Amino acid sequence: MKPEVTSFFDDATNTITYVVRDPEGTSCAIIDSVLDFDYASGRTDTSSADAVIAFVREKGYRVDWLLETHVHADHLSAAPYLQEKLGGKIGIGHNIKIVQDTFGKVFNEGTEFQRDGSQFDQLFTEGDSVHIGQLRVDVLHTPGHTPACLTYVIGDAAFVGDTLFMPDFGTARCDFPGGSADTMWDSVQKILSLPEETRIFVGHDYKAEGRDHYAWETTVGAQKAANIHVGGGKSREDFVTMRTTRDAKLNMPKLIVPSLQVNMRAGQMPEAEDNGTVYLKVPVNKL
């Protein structure tokens, strides 16, 4: 089946949110939503999520799933807000438990922070499948960027999160805790083993040098032929060397500190303190 895919590009974080509809009905899923956040003021805003809500309501769609490809380090998830307004279950990879354990320690969350993934409605493992109406969603575990990264294969489309970018931009970094360039190579090969005509929808785009427009849809065939990091006959050894060298020079994403604290909680803020205010911690010299 060929799902209907509608894309919402967030200029502030270069994130693409997808609404994926069963072509035989009104059921849909929302993948990788965005809660707007101004770090300087500490203020959230729901404009990006509200645009998705308006679209879903205008079309008369029913939201079955709010899917996360991984715990994002560059934007806050709007999944709880969307769930409140539209319904649906929030799903992420089973290895969220590893991410929660790692960053629970980084942010000194204490025993009150549950590290069992219970903040999410469903945890997926390799080979799981669910449905959007009559449309089947198959789950691939594609770690490397993070331990919990998933690819959702929905009909002829694969939503790869940050594992692959557009062919002229390559692949995601692998230097976060639990990341691995060697593991990333294996995950990419799993995605590239899908039929060549499979549509690939990436999680971000930053305009590769020489390209004057944003883009987020490509194919398995195009990635195999032309991805600058893994395509055209590149070897595992070449990739691991390139990725490790490149990652050592990258700065941390500007929203990594708030994003991790919120997204490992399925998009919820930490509990308010005794004065009624919610606080996000900044660990000094830890990231």
Protein backbone atom coordinates (compact mmCIF):
# COMPACT_ATOMS: atom_id res chain seq x y z
CA MET A 1 0.00 0.00 0.00
CA LYS A 2 1.04 3.59 -0.60
CA PRO A 3 0.28 5.74 2.44
CA GLU A 4 -0.59 9.39 1.99
CA VAL A 5 2.20 11.46 3.58
CA THR A 6 1.86 15.13 4.53
CA SER A 7 4.98 16.93 5.76
CA PHE A 8 5.42 19.86 8.14
CA PHE A 9 8.87 21.48 8.13
CA ASP A 10 9.97 23.28 11.30
CA ASP A 11 12.35 26.11 10.39
CA ALA A 12 13.69 26.57 13.92
CA THR A 13 14.97 22.97 14.27
CA ASN A 14 15.04 21.73 10.65
CA THR A 15 12.72 18.91 11.74
CA ILE A 16 10.09 17.32 9.53
CA THR A 17 6.90 16.08 11.18
CA TYR A 18 4.88 13.60 9.15
CA VAL A 19 1.18 12.84 9.09
CA VAL A 20 0.80 9.38 7.54
CA ARG A 21 -2.72 8.34 6.50
CA ASP A 22 -4.24 5.01 5.55
CA PRO A 23 -5.32 5.64 1.92
CA GLU A 24 -8.38 3.45 2.46
CA GLY A 25 -9.73 5.43 5.40
CA THR A 26 -9.24 8.30 7.83
CA SER A 27 -6.80 6.71 10.29
CA CYS A 28 -3.37 8.33 10.56
CA ALA A 29 -0.17 8.48 12.57
CA ILE A 30 1.91 11.52 13.46
CA ILE A 31 5.67 10.93 13.40
CA ASP A 32 8.26 13.11 15.22
CA SER A 33 6.21 16.11 16.33
CA VAL A 34 7.70 19.40 17.53
CA LEU A 35 6.98 21.54 20.59
CA ASP A 36 8.40 25.02 20.00
CA PHE A 37 10.85 26.13 22.68
CA ASP A 38 12.74 29.37 23.15
CA TYR A 39 15.81 28.49 25.21
CA ALA A 40 16.67 32.07 26.16
CA SER A 41 13.32 32.71 27.83
CA GLY A 42 12.49 29.11 28.76
CA ARG A 43 9.10 29.47 27.09
CA THR A 44 7.24 26.83 25.12
CA ASP A 45 4.83 27.45 22.28
CA THR A 46 2.48 25.13 20.42
CA SER A 47 2.33 26.86 17.03
CA SER A 48 4.01 23.99 15.15
CA ALA A 49 1.84 21.35 16.80
CA ASP A 50 -1.28 23.47 16.31
CA ALA A 51 -0.65 23.51 12.55
CA VAL A 52 -0.67 19.71 12.58
CA ILE A 53 -3.81 19.63 14.71
CA ALA A 54 -5.61 22.04 12.37
CA PHE A 55 -4.70 19.88 9.37
CA VAL A 56 -5.85 16.64 11.02
CA ARG A 57 -9.15 18.20 12.11
CA GLU A 58 -9.78 19.83 8.75
CA LYS A 59 -9.31 16.48 7.00
CA GLY A 60 -11.40 14.60 9.55
CA TYR A 61 -8.60 12.16 10.35
CA ARG A 62 -8.42 9.91 13.39
CA VAL A 63 -5.01 9.67 15.06
CA ASP A 64 -4.11 6.09 15.97
CA TRP A 65 -0.42 6.59 16.78
CA LEU A 66 2.04 9.30 17.82
CA LEU A 67 5.35 7.73 16.84
CA GLU A 68 8.84 8.78 17.85
CA THR A 69 11.81 7.51 15.84
CA HIS A 70 14.11 8.11 18.85
CA VAL A 71 14.79 10.42 21.79
CA HIS A 72 15.56 13.59 19.87
CA ALA A 73 18.43 15.83 20.98
CA ASP A 74 17.53 18.81 18.80
CA HIS A 75 13.86 19.49 19.49
CA LEU A 76 11.19 18.86 22.10
CA SER A 77 8.40 16.41 21.29
CA ALA A 78 4.80 17.65 21.26
CA ALA A 79 3.39 14.13 21.61
CA PRO A 80 1.57 14.69 24.95
CA TYR A 81 -0.04 17.88 23.67
CA LEU A 82 -1.14 16.17 20.46
CA GLN A 83 -2.45 13.22 22.43
CA GLU A 84 -4.52 15.54 24.60
CA LYS A 85 -6.03 17.24 21.54
CA LEU A 86 -6.29 14.34 19.09
CA GLY A 87 -5.85 11.05 20.95
CA GLY A 88 -3.57 8.23 19.81
CA LYS A 89 -0.93 6.12 21.55
CA ILE A 90 2.67 7.29 21.99
CA GLY A 91 5.25 4.74 20.81
CA ILE A 92 9.04 4.55 20.79
CA GLY A 93 11.78 1.90 20.75
CA HIS A 94 12.19 -0.54 23.64
CA ASN A 95 15.75 0.67 24.17
CA ILE A 96 14.38 3.94 25.51
CA LYS A 97 15.17 2.23 28.82
CA ILE A 98 18.89 2.45 28.03
CA VAL A 99 18.56 6.12 27.10
CA GLN A 100 16.59 6.84 30.28
CA ASP A 101 19.17 5.10 32.41
CA THR A 102 22.06 6.95 30.74
CA PHE A 103 20.56 10.43 30.92
CA GLY A 104 18.80 9.84 34.20
CA LYS A 105 22.33 9.69 35.62
CA VAL A 106 23.57 12.68 33.58
CA PHE A 107 20.74 14.84 34.93
CA ASN A 108 20.82 13.26 38.41
CA GLU A 109 17.10 12.52 38.21
CA GLY A 110 16.91 10.37 41.32
CA THR A 111 14.71 7.37 42.00
CA GLU A 112 11.45 9.17 41.26
CA PHE A 113 12.29 9.17 37.55
CA GLN A 114 11.15 5.84 36.15
CA ARG A 115 13.65 4.24 33.78
CA ASP A 116 11.34 1.51 32.46
CA GLY A 117 9.75 3.31 29.52
CA SER A 118 6.42 3.51 31.34
CA GLN A 119 5.95 7.14 30.26
CA PHE A 120 5.16 5.79 26.76
CA ASP A 121 2.09 3.81 25.74
CA GLN A 122 4.02 1.21 23.76
CA LEU A 123 7.66 0.18 23.38
CA PHE A 124 8.61 -1.42 20.07
CA THR A 125 11.23 -4.03 19.27
CA GLU A 126 12.58 -5.36 15.97
CA GLY A 127 9.87 -7.17 14.04
CA ASP A 128 6.89 -5.66 15.84
CA SER A 129 3.97 -4.47 13.75
CA VAL A 130 0.93 -2.32 14.44
CA HIS A 131 -1.75 -0.80 12.22
CA ILE A 132 -2.90 2.63 11.14
CA GLY A 133 -6.41 1.64 10.16
CA GLN A 134 -5.77 -1.14 7.63
CA LEU A 135 -2.23 0.08 6.96
CA ARG A 136 0.49 -2.06 8.51
CA VAL A 137 3.48 -0.50 10.27
CA ASP A 138 6.59 -2.71 10.52
CA VAL A 139 9.28 -1.79 13.03
CA LEU A 140 13.00 -1.98 12.29
CA HIS A 141 15.50 -1.39 15.09
CA THR A 142 18.14 0.89 13.56
CA PRO A 143 20.51 2.03 16.34
CA GLY A 144 23.80 3.85 15.94
CA HIS A 145 22.72 7.47 16.34
CA THR A 146 21.11 6.41 19.64
CA PRO A 147 20.43 2.94 21.10
CA ALA A 148 16.66 3.37 20.70
CA CYS A 149 16.44 4.52 17.07
CA LEU A 150 13.69 2.94 14.97
CA THR A 151 12.66 2.98 11.34
CA TYR A 152 8.94 2.66 10.67
CA VAL A 153 8.18 0.91 7.38
CA ILE A 154 4.63 1.81 6.37
CA GLY A 155 3.56 0.41 3.03
CA ASP A 156 6.04 1.66 0.43
CA ALA A 157 7.47 4.30 2.79
CA ALA A 158 10.20 4.18 5.45
CA PHE A 159 10.51 6.86 8.13
CA VAL A 160 14.15 6.68 9.18
CA GLY A 161 14.46 9.46 11.76
CA ASP A 162 18.08 10.62 11.98
CA THR A 163 19.74 7.45 10.69
CA LEU A 164 19.88 8.68 7.09
CA PHE A 165 19.62 12.19 5.69
CA MET A 166 19.19 13.13 2.05
CA PRO A 167 21.83 11.49 -0.20
CA ASP A 168 23.79 14.74 -0.56
CA PHE A 169 23.96 15.21 3.23
CA GLY A 170 24.77 11.68 4.38
CA THR A 171 24.10 10.23 7.84
CA ALA A 172 23.59 11.32 11.43
CA ARG A 173 26.27 11.69 14.09
CA CYS A 174 27.12 8.68 16.27
CA ASP A 175 28.95 10.28 19.20
CA PHE A 176 26.09 10.62 21.69
CA PRO A 177 26.21 8.22 24.68
CA GLY A 178 25.26 4.77 23.39
CA GLY A 179 25.94 5.75 19.78
CA SER A 180 28.22 3.79 17.48
CA ALA A 181 29.39 4.35 13.92
CA ASP A 182 29.92 0.62 13.47
CA THR A 183 26.36 -0.08 14.62
CA MET A 184 25.09 2.73 12.40
CA TRP A 185 26.61 1.02 9.37
CA ASP A 186 24.66 -2.16 10.10
CA SER A 187 21.44 -0.19 10.58
CA VAL A 188 21.90 1.63 7.29
CA GLN A 189 22.43 -1.66 5.48
CA LYS A 190 19.17 -2.93 6.98
CA ILE A 191 17.32 0.08 5.57
CA LEU A 192 19.05 -0.21 2.20
CA SER A 193 17.98 -3.84 1.95
CA LEU A 194 14.39 -2.67 1.46
CA PRO A 195 13.09 -2.59 -2.14
CA GLU A 196 14.84 0.11 -4.16
CA GLU A 197 11.59 1.93 -4.91
CA THR A 198 10.81 2.33 -1.19
CA ARG A 199 10.26 5.98 -0.37
CA ILE A 200 12.53 7.23 2.42
CA PHE A 201 11.42 10.14 4.59
CA VAL A 202 14.21 11.68 6.67
CA GLY A 203 13.90 13.36 10.05
CA HIS A 204 15.83 16.55 9.27
CA ASP A 205 17.27 18.51 6.39
CA TYR A 206 19.86 21.28 6.49
CA LYS A 207 20.37 21.99 2.76
CA ALA A 208 23.54 20.37 1.53
CA GLU A 209 26.15 22.68 0.04
CA GLY A 210 25.03 23.73 -3.41
CA ARG A 211 21.34 22.94 -2.82
CA ASP A 212 19.05 25.96 -2.48
CA HIS A 213 15.96 24.21 -1.13
CA TYR A 214 15.01 21.88 1.69
CA ALA A 215 14.21 18.28 0.83
CA TRP A 216 13.17 15.25 2.85
CA GLU A 217 11.92 12.54 0.50
CA THR A 218 14.18 10.18 -1.45
CA THR A 219 14.32 6.43 -2.19
CA VAL A 220 16.34 3.40 -1.18
CA GLY A 221 17.74 3.26 -4.70
CA ALA A 222 18.88 6.88 -4.59
CA GLN A 223 20.53 6.36 -1.20
CA LYS A 224 22.39 3.26 -2.37
CA ALA A 225 23.65 5.02 -5.46
CA ALA A 226 24.50 8.46 -4.15
CA ASN A 227 24.54 8.85 -0.36
CA ILE A 228 27.83 10.65 0.26
CA HIS A 229 28.58 8.63 3.40
CA VAL A 230 27.30 5.13 2.66
CA GLY A 231 26.35 4.93 -1.02
CA GLY A 232 28.23 4.16 -4.22
CA GLY A 233 30.18 1.20 -2.88
CA LYS A 234 31.55 2.82 0.30
CA SER A 235 33.01 0.32 2.77
CA ARG A 236 32.25 -0.14 6.46
CA GLU A 237 35.84 0.82 7.31
CA ASP A 238 35.66 4.02 5.29
CA PHE A 239 32.36 4.96 6.88
CA VAL A 240 33.46 4.33 10.46
CA THR A 241 36.66 6.33 9.97
CA MET A 242 34.81 9.21 8.32
CA ARG A 243 31.99 9.29 10.86
CA THR A 244 34.29 9.10 13.89
CA THR A 245 36.57 11.85 12.58
CA ARG A 246 33.66 14.08 11.61
CA ASP A 247 31.79 13.62 14.89
CA ALA A 248 34.83 14.63 16.93
CA LYS A 249 34.58 18.12 15.41
CA LEU A 250 30.84 18.69 15.91
CA ASN A 251 29.32 20.93 18.57
CA MET A 252 26.43 19.72 20.70
CA PRO A 253 22.94 20.55 19.33
CA LYS A 254 21.75 23.83 20.81
CA LEU A 255 18.63 22.27 22.37
CA ILE A 256 20.19 19.03 23.59
CA VAL A 257 19.85 19.85 27.29
CA PRO A 258 16.11 20.60 27.35
CA SER A 259 15.32 18.08 24.61
CA LEU A 260 16.77 15.07 26.39
CA GLN A 261 15.12 15.88 29.71
CA VAL A 262 11.71 16.26 28.07
CA ASN A 263 11.86 13.60 25.38
CA MET A 264 13.02 10.80 27.67
CA ARG A 265 9.76 11.52 29.53
CA ALA A 266 7.68 11.05 26.35
CA GLY A 267 7.46 14.80 25.87
CA GLN A 268 6.44 15.64 29.43
CA MET A 269 8.21 18.28 31.47
CA PRO A 270 9.88 17.32 34.76
CA GLU A 271 7.68 17.59 37.83
CA ALA A 272 7.20 21.11 39.14
CA GLU A 273 9.14 21.97 42.28
CA ASP A 274 7.54 23.09 45.55
CA ASN A 275 7.10 26.64 44.25
CA GLY A 276 5.01 25.37 41.32
CA THR A 277 7.68 26.09 38.70
CA VAL A 278 9.16 23.55 36.30
CA TYR A 279 12.94 23.62 35.97
CA LEU A 280 15.30 22.09 33.42
CA LYS A 281 18.84 21.33 34.59
CA VAL A 282 22.08 22.20 32.81
CA PRO A 283 24.78 19.65 33.71
CA VAL A 284 28.13 21.45 33.70
CA ASN A 285 30.96 19.71 31.81
CA LYS A 286 28.95 16.50 31.34
CA LEU A 287 28.00 16.59 27.65
